[in-house]
Every structure is written in C-alpha cells, then in structure tokens.
Amino acid sequence: MTAAKMVSLLAGTRKKISELADQLPRRSIIKDKIATKRGKEILDSLPGQFPENRIDQTDGIKIFHKDAWVLVRASGTEPIIRIIIDSKNSADGNELYRDLKSRLNHFIS
C-alpha cells in the first residue's frame, strides 16, 4: 500500500522523491542506550521526574518538551534502556539529553 501511495504522489506532483524529501522539515535525532538491569525501576520513576511535561506511556515513556520529545524504553532482549530524542535542532536535543541524563544518574550509578 505504501508503494502504491508513493507512486500516486510522484505521478501527481511530477517531482522526484529527493525533491519531495527536501520539502520536509529537518529534525535532529539523538539515540543512546544505557546498560542497566534496573530498566523497569527507571521507567517507573520517569513520569514523576517530569511533572511539568506531557507524558505518553504507550510504548515506554515518551516525554514531550517544547518542540521536542524523548522516548525511553527498556529492551525486551537485553539489560539496557534505549533513549531516542527528536528535536527541532541539535541544541534543543542536546539540552534535553543532558537534562534527562542528569535526572537518571542516581538510578544508573
């Protein structure tokens, strides 16, 4: 279905995929993982660490902050938690990453 939609989009606009991709907004992505056997404990504590932010717990803990979000989830196969940050620019993403890491430090050490 996705391929059919893409063909339809390309035929309708008469543009190359690269031209359409260039029109999309640029985002900054940060990915990290932290080795820990305390993933569940860390995830359980996160909502309380960010009371000022909107939180979605559908798949891990997703914290919305201004024009950015961070997703923290425990691996189902390894003793690690994964961190993904999506932000409008790298400065905002790095600021959110530093904030998250400082809040997690007491659980990780």
N, C-alpha and C. Protein backbone atom coordinates (compact mmCIF):
# COMPACT_ATOMS: atom_id res chain seq x y z
N MET A 1 0.82 -1.18 0.00
CA MET A 1 0.00 0.00 0.00
C MET A 1 0.87 1.26 0.00
N THR A 2 1.96 1.22 0.77
CA THR A 2 2.84 2.39 0.83
C THR A 2 3.45 2.68 -0.54
N ALA A 3 3.88 1.62 -1.23
CA ALA A 3 4.47 1.81 -2.56
C ALA A 3 3.44 2.42 -3.52
N ALA A 4 2.21 1.95 -3.46
CA ALA A 4 1.16 2.50 -4.33
C ALA A 4 0.91 3.97 -4.03
N LYS A 5 0.90 4.34 -2.74
CA LYS A 5 0.71 5.75 -2.37
C LYS A 5 1.87 6.61 -2.86
N MET A 6 3.09 6.08 -2.79
CA MET A 6 4.26 6.83 -3.25
C MET A 6 4.20 7.03 -4.75
N VAL A 7 3.83 6.00 -5.50
CA VAL A 7 3.71 6.13 -6.96
C VAL A 7 2.65 7.17 -7.30
N SER A 8 1.54 7.14 -6.58
CA SER A 8 0.48 8.11 -6.81
C SER A 8 0.96 9.52 -6.50
N LEU A 9 1.67 9.69 -5.42
CA LEU A 9 2.20 11.00 -5.04
C LEU A 9 3.18 11.52 -6.09
N LEU A 10 4.09 10.65 -6.52
CA LEU A 10 5.07 11.06 -7.53
C LEU A 10 4.40 11.40 -8.85
N ALA A 11 3.42 10.62 -9.25
CA ALA A 11 2.71 10.89 -10.50
C ALA A 11 1.93 12.20 -10.42
N GLY A 12 1.32 12.44 -9.27
CA GLY A 12 0.50 13.64 -9.10
C GLY A 12 1.31 14.92 -9.02
N THR A 13 2.52 14.84 -8.45
CA THR A 13 3.33 16.05 -8.29
C THR A 13 4.36 16.22 -9.41
N ARG A 14 4.67 15.11 -10.09
CA ARG A 14 5.71 15.10 -11.13
C ARG A 14 7.06 15.59 -10.59
N LYS A 15 7.33 15.22 -9.33
CA LYS A 15 8.60 15.56 -8.70
C LYS A 15 9.33 14.28 -8.33
N LYS A 16 10.65 14.39 -8.19
CA LYS A 16 11.46 13.27 -7.73
C LYS A 16 11.26 13.12 -6.22
N ILE A 17 11.53 11.90 -5.73
CA ILE A 17 11.44 11.66 -4.29
C ILE A 17 12.36 12.62 -3.55
N SER A 18 13.56 12.84 -4.06
CA SER A 18 14.52 13.73 -3.39
C SER A 18 13.97 15.16 -3.29
N GLU A 19 13.24 15.61 -4.30
CA GLU A 19 12.64 16.95 -4.24
C GLU A 19 11.57 17.03 -3.16
N LEU A 20 10.77 15.98 -3.06
CA LEU A 20 9.73 15.94 -2.02
C LEU A 20 10.37 15.86 -0.63
N ALA A 21 11.43 15.06 -0.51
CA ALA A 21 12.11 14.92 0.78
C ALA A 21 12.73 16.24 1.23
N ASP A 22 13.22 17.02 0.27
CA ASP A 22 13.82 18.32 0.60
C ASP A 22 12.80 19.30 1.18
N GLN A 23 11.51 19.06 0.93
CA GLN A 23 10.46 19.93 1.44
C GLN A 23 10.07 19.60 2.89
N LEU A 24 10.52 18.45 3.37
CA LEU A 24 10.17 18.05 4.74
C LEU A 24 11.00 18.85 5.74
N PRO A 25 10.44 19.12 6.91
CA PRO A 25 11.21 19.85 7.93
C PRO A 25 12.37 19.00 8.43
N ARG A 26 13.47 19.64 8.72
CA ARG A 26 14.66 18.96 9.26
C ARG A 26 14.49 18.79 10.76
N ARG A 27 14.87 17.63 11.26
CA ARG A 27 14.82 17.33 12.69
C ARG A 27 16.18 16.78 13.12
N SER A 28 16.47 16.89 14.37
CA SER A 28 17.70 16.34 14.94
C SER A 28 17.32 15.13 15.78
N ILE A 29 18.06 14.04 15.61
CA ILE A 29 17.78 12.80 16.33
C ILE A 29 19.02 12.42 17.15
N ILE A 30 18.81 12.06 18.41
CA ILE A 30 19.86 11.53 19.26
C ILE A 30 19.41 10.16 19.72
N LYS A 31 20.29 9.16 19.58
CA LYS A 31 19.99 7.81 20.05
C LYS A 31 21.10 7.39 21.00
N ASP A 32 20.71 6.75 22.09
CA ASP A 32 21.68 6.26 23.06
C ASP A 32 21.10 5.03 23.74
N LYS A 33 21.95 4.29 24.40
CA LYS A 33 21.48 3.18 25.22
C LYS A 33 22.32 3.14 26.47
N ILE A 34 21.70 2.71 27.55
CA ILE A 34 22.35 2.66 28.84
C ILE A 34 22.22 1.24 29.38
N ALA A 35 23.35 0.65 29.73
CA ALA A 35 23.34 -0.69 30.30
C ALA A 35 22.84 -0.62 31.74
N THR A 36 21.79 -1.33 32.02
CA THR A 36 21.24 -1.39 33.38
C THR A 36 20.30 -2.58 33.49
N LYS A 37 20.29 -3.16 34.64
CA LYS A 37 19.34 -4.24 34.93
C LYS A 37 18.12 -3.68 35.66
N ARG A 38 18.10 -2.35 35.85
CA ARG A 38 17.01 -1.71 36.60
C ARG A 38 16.07 -0.94 35.67
N GLY A 39 15.89 -1.44 34.45
CA GLY A 39 15.06 -0.75 33.47
C GLY A 39 13.65 -0.46 33.94
N LYS A 40 13.00 -1.45 34.53
CA LYS A 40 11.62 -1.25 34.98
C LYS A 40 11.56 -0.18 36.07
N GLU A 41 12.49 -0.21 37.00
CA GLU A 41 12.52 0.78 38.07
C GLU A 41 12.74 2.19 37.51
N ILE A 42 13.64 2.30 36.54
CA ILE A 42 13.92 3.60 35.92
C ILE A 42 12.68 4.11 35.19
N LEU A 43 12.04 3.24 34.41
CA LEU A 43 10.84 3.67 33.67
C LEU A 43 9.71 4.05 34.62
N ASP A 44 9.57 3.32 35.70
CA ASP A 44 8.53 3.64 36.67
C ASP A 44 8.75 5.01 37.32
N SER A 45 10.01 5.42 37.45
CA SER A 45 10.32 6.69 38.11
C SER A 45 10.21 7.90 37.20
N LEU A 46 10.33 7.71 35.89
CA LEU A 46 10.42 8.85 34.97
C LEU A 46 9.22 9.80 34.98
N PRO A 47 7.99 9.33 34.96
CA PRO A 47 6.88 10.30 34.96
C PRO A 47 6.95 11.27 36.13
N GLY A 48 7.36 10.81 37.30
CA GLY A 48 7.47 11.68 38.45
C GLY A 48 8.63 12.67 38.35
N GLN A 49 9.61 12.34 37.51
CA GLN A 49 10.77 13.22 37.32
C GLN A 49 10.45 14.39 36.38
N PHE A 50 9.36 14.27 35.62
CA PHE A 50 9.00 15.29 34.64
C PHE A 50 7.53 15.72 34.82
N PRO A 51 7.15 16.19 36.01
CA PRO A 51 5.74 16.52 36.24
C PRO A 51 5.24 17.68 35.39
N GLU A 52 6.14 18.51 34.88
CA GLU A 52 5.74 19.67 34.09
C GLU A 52 5.50 19.34 32.61
N ASN A 53 5.79 18.10 32.21
CA ASN A 53 5.67 17.72 30.81
C ASN A 53 4.52 16.75 30.56
N ARG A 54 4.00 16.78 29.33
CA ARG A 54 3.01 15.78 28.92
C ARG A 54 3.75 14.47 28.69
N ILE A 55 3.17 13.37 29.15
CA ILE A 55 3.81 12.06 29.07
C ILE A 55 2.86 11.06 28.45
N ASP A 56 3.40 10.23 27.55
CA ASP A 56 2.66 9.14 26.93
C ASP A 56 3.38 7.84 27.32
N GLN A 57 2.63 6.89 27.88
CA GLN A 57 3.23 5.63 28.32
C GLN A 57 2.81 4.45 27.45
N THR A 58 2.49 4.72 26.20
CA THR A 58 2.05 3.66 25.29
C THR A 58 3.14 2.64 25.02
N ASP A 59 4.35 3.11 24.73
CA ASP A 59 5.47 2.22 24.40
C ASP A 59 6.71 2.76 25.10
N GLY A 60 6.86 2.45 26.37
CA GLY A 60 7.92 3.06 27.16
C GLY A 60 7.39 4.37 27.74
N ILE A 61 8.29 5.31 27.95
CA ILE A 61 7.92 6.63 28.48
C ILE A 61 8.32 7.67 27.45
N LYS A 62 7.32 8.34 26.88
CA LYS A 62 7.58 9.40 25.91
C LYS A 62 7.24 10.72 26.58
N ILE A 63 8.26 11.59 26.64
CA ILE A 63 8.13 12.87 27.31
C ILE A 63 8.18 13.98 26.27
N PHE A 64 7.14 14.80 26.24
CA PHE A 64 7.06 15.91 25.28
C PHE A 64 7.57 17.17 25.97
N HIS A 65 8.48 17.87 25.29
CA HIS A 65 9.08 19.08 25.85
C HIS A 65 9.27 20.10 24.74
N LYS A 66 8.49 21.17 24.75
CA LYS A 66 8.53 22.22 23.73
C LYS A 66 8.37 21.59 22.34
N ASP A 67 9.33 21.83 21.43
CA ASP A 67 9.27 21.26 20.07
C ASP A 67 10.06 19.96 19.97
N ALA A 68 10.19 19.24 21.08
CA ALA A 68 10.98 18.01 21.10
C ALA A 68 10.26 16.94 21.91
N TRP A 69 10.75 15.73 21.79
CA TRP A 69 10.27 14.64 22.64
C TRP A 69 11.41 13.65 22.86
N VAL A 70 11.30 12.91 23.94
CA VAL A 70 12.27 11.85 24.26
C VAL A 70 11.48 10.59 24.57
N LEU A 71 11.94 9.48 24.03
CA LEU A 71 11.34 8.17 24.32
C LEU A 71 12.38 7.33 25.04
N VAL A 72 12.01 6.82 26.20
CA VAL A 72 12.88 5.93 26.98
C VAL A 72 12.13 4.62 27.13
N ARG A 73 12.78 3.54 26.68
CA ARG A 73 12.12 2.25 26.80
C ARG A 73 13.14 1.17 27.12
N ALA A 74 12.69 0.19 27.86
CA ALA A 74 13.55 -0.94 28.22
C ALA A 74 13.56 -1.94 27.06
N SER A 75 14.74 -2.50 26.81
CA SER A 75 14.85 -3.54 25.79
C SER A 75 14.17 -4.80 26.29
N GLY A 76 13.55 -5.52 25.39
CA GLY A 76 12.93 -6.79 25.75
C GLY A 76 13.90 -7.95 25.68
N THR A 77 15.10 -7.72 25.14
CA THR A 77 16.05 -8.82 24.94
C THR A 77 17.40 -8.59 25.60
N GLU A 78 17.67 -7.36 26.06
CA GLU A 78 18.97 -7.04 26.66
C GLU A 78 18.75 -6.23 27.93
N PRO A 79 19.72 -6.24 28.85
CA PRO A 79 19.59 -5.42 30.07
C PRO A 79 20.01 -3.97 29.79
N ILE A 80 19.25 -3.29 28.95
CA ILE A 80 19.54 -1.90 28.60
C ILE A 80 18.23 -1.12 28.48
N ILE A 81 18.37 0.19 28.59
CA ILE A 81 17.26 1.06 28.22
C ILE A 81 17.73 1.87 27.02
N ARG A 82 16.84 2.11 26.10
CA ARG A 82 17.14 2.88 24.91
C ARG A 82 16.53 4.27 25.05
N ILE A 83 17.28 5.24 24.53
CA ILE A 83 16.84 6.64 24.57
C ILE A 83 16.83 7.16 23.13
N ILE A 84 15.72 7.75 22.74
CA ILE A 84 15.61 8.40 21.43
C ILE A 84 15.07 9.80 21.68
N ILE A 85 15.76 10.79 21.14
CA ILE A 85 15.33 12.18 21.27
C ILE A 85 15.15 12.76 19.88
N ASP A 86 14.01 13.38 19.65
CA ASP A 86 13.71 14.05 18.38
C ASP A 86 13.45 15.52 18.71
N SER A 87 14.21 16.40 18.05
CA SER A 87 14.06 17.82 18.34
C SER A 87 14.18 18.65 17.06
N LYS A 88 13.74 19.88 17.17
CA LYS A 88 13.76 20.79 16.03
C LYS A 88 15.19 21.11 15.59
N ASN A 89 16.12 21.17 16.55
CA ASN A 89 17.52 21.43 16.23
C ASN A 89 18.41 20.71 17.23
N SER A 90 19.69 20.61 16.91
CA SER A 90 20.59 19.83 17.76
C SER A 90 20.81 20.47 19.13
N ALA A 91 20.78 21.80 19.21
CA ALA A 91 20.97 22.47 20.50
C ALA A 91 19.85 22.08 21.47
N ASP A 92 18.60 22.11 21.02
CA ASP A 92 17.47 21.72 21.87
C ASP A 92 17.56 20.24 22.25
N GLY A 93 17.93 19.40 21.28
CA GLY A 93 18.06 17.97 21.55
C GLY A 93 19.15 17.68 22.57
N ASN A 94 20.29 18.35 22.44
CA ASN A 94 21.38 18.15 23.39
C ASN A 94 21.01 18.64 24.79
N GLU A 95 20.27 19.74 24.86
CA GLU A 95 19.82 20.25 26.16
C GLU A 95 18.88 19.26 26.84
N LEU A 96 17.94 18.71 26.07
CA LEU A 96 17.01 17.72 26.61
C LEU A 96 17.75 16.45 27.03
N TYR A 97 18.74 16.03 26.23
CA TYR A 97 19.54 14.85 26.55
C TYR A 97 20.30 15.05 27.87
N ARG A 98 20.95 16.19 28.03
CA ARG A 98 21.70 16.47 29.27
C ARG A 98 20.76 16.48 30.47
N ASP A 99 19.58 17.07 30.31
CA ASP A 99 18.60 17.11 31.39
C ASP A 99 18.16 15.70 31.77
N LEU A 100 17.84 14.90 30.78
CA LEU A 100 17.41 13.52 31.04
C LEU A 100 18.51 12.74 31.75
N LYS A 101 19.74 12.83 31.24
CA LYS A 101 20.85 12.09 31.83
C LYS A 101 21.10 12.52 33.27
N SER A 102 20.99 13.81 33.56
CA SER A 102 21.22 14.26 34.94
C SER A 102 20.14 13.71 35.87
N ARG A 103 18.91 13.60 35.38
CA ARG A 103 17.83 13.06 36.21
C ARG A 103 17.96 11.55 36.39
N LEU A 104 18.57 10.86 35.43
CA LEU A 104 18.72 9.41 35.50
C LEU A 104 19.97 8.98 36.27
N ASN A 105 20.92 9.88 36.46
CA ASN A 105 22.22 9.49 37.02
C ASN A 105 22.11 8.75 38.36
N HIS A 106 21.22 9.15 39.23
CA HIS A 106 21.14 8.48 40.53
C HIS A 106 20.62 7.05 40.42
N PHE A 107 19.89 6.72 39.34
CA PHE A 107 19.43 5.36 39.14
C PHE A 107 20.50 4.49 38.48
N ILE A 108 21.30 5.12 37.62
CA ILE A 108 22.27 4.36 36.83
C ILE A 108 23.50 4.00 37.63
N SER A 109 23.94 4.89 38.52
CA SER A 109 25.17 4.62 39.28
C SER A 109 24.94 3.80 40.51
